[in-house]
């Protein structure tokens, strides 16, 4: 089961907090996190790893990033 976190248009720490909320709810084994700036991409990726999840891949399209994270 996959869940999407749409944090486009938000600045840190909001994308990180939204992602951590979803990770802690433990309802999904995979998350797709959408962000639209480099800082959020880096911060969310780091937060995911710190929670024991892994970043499976990151796609960029027109300045937007799609981060696919999987439960470790």
Protein backbone atom coordinates (compact mmCIF):
# COMPACT_ATOMS: atom_id res chain seq x y z
CA UNK A 1 0.00 0.00 0.00
CA UNK A 2 1.41 3.38 -1.00
CA UNK A 3 0.52 6.82 0.35
CA UNK A 4 1.25 10.22 -1.20
CA UNK A 5 2.45 13.24 0.79
CA UNK A 6 1.96 16.38 -1.30
CA UNK A 7 4.21 19.05 0.21
CA UNK A 8 4.59 21.18 -2.91
CA UNK A 9 4.48 24.88 -2.19
CA UNK A 10 5.57 24.39 1.42
CA UNK A 11 8.92 25.30 2.92
CA UNK A 12 10.82 23.37 5.54
CA UNK A 13 10.19 22.13 8.08
CA UNK A 14 6.60 21.47 6.92
CA UNK A 15 7.44 18.79 4.27
CA UNK A 16 9.61 16.95 6.81
CA UNK A 17 6.91 17.10 9.50
CA UNK A 18 4.24 15.86 7.09
CA UNK A 19 6.48 12.97 6.03
CA UNK A 20 7.33 12.03 9.62
CA UNK A 21 3.62 12.03 10.52
CA UNK A 22 2.94 9.51 7.75
CA UNK A 23 5.93 7.35 8.70
CA UNK A 24 4.83 7.29 12.35
CA UNK A 25 1.26 6.36 11.45
CA UNK A 26 2.74 3.15 9.96
CA UNK A 27 -0.21 2.65 7.65
CA UNK A 28 1.88 2.46 4.49
CA UNK A 29 4.97 0.49 3.56
CA UNK A 30 5.78 3.00 0.82
CA UNK A 31 5.44 6.76 0.57
CA UNK A 32 5.56 9.06 -2.42
CA UNK A 33 6.59 12.52 -1.23
CA UNK A 34 6.14 15.48 -3.59
CA UNK A 35 8.24 18.61 -3.00
CA UNK A 36 9.20 21.53 -5.20
CA UNK A 37 12.58 22.71 -3.95
CA UNK A 38 16.06 21.29 -3.44
CA UNK A 39 16.21 22.02 0.31
CA UNK A 40 13.00 20.10 0.98
CA UNK A 41 14.23 17.21 -1.17
CA UNK A 42 17.43 16.95 0.87
CA UNK A 43 15.74 17.40 4.25
CA UNK A 44 12.96 14.90 3.55
CA UNK A 45 15.44 12.33 2.23
CA UNK A 46 17.56 12.69 5.35
CA UNK A 47 14.52 12.45 7.65
CA UNK A 48 13.33 9.30 5.88
CA UNK A 49 16.73 7.65 6.34
CA UNK A 50 16.87 8.69 10.02
CA UNK A 51 13.59 6.82 10.58
CA UNK A 52 15.03 3.57 9.20
CA UNK A 53 13.30 3.88 5.84
CA UNK A 54 15.14 3.98 2.53
CA UNK A 55 14.87 6.35 -0.38
CA UNK A 56 14.18 4.02 -3.31
CA UNK A 57 14.46 6.76 -5.94
CA UNK A 58 14.05 10.44 -6.64
CA UNK A 59 12.65 11.75 -9.92
CA UNK A 60 12.81 15.39 -10.97
CA UNK A 61 10.38 16.94 -13.42
CA UNK A 62 10.36 20.67 -14.04
CA UNK A 63 11.70 21.60 -10.62
CA UNK A 64 9.42 19.21 -8.75
CA UNK A 65 10.79 16.15 -7.00
CA UNK A 66 9.06 12.80 -6.46
CA UNK A 67 10.71 10.94 -3.59
CA UNK A 68 9.76 7.28 -3.26
CA UNK A 69 10.50 5.99 0.25
CA UNK A 70 10.11 2.42 1.44
CA UNK A 71 9.85 0.98 4.90
CA UNK A 72 13.21 -0.52 5.90
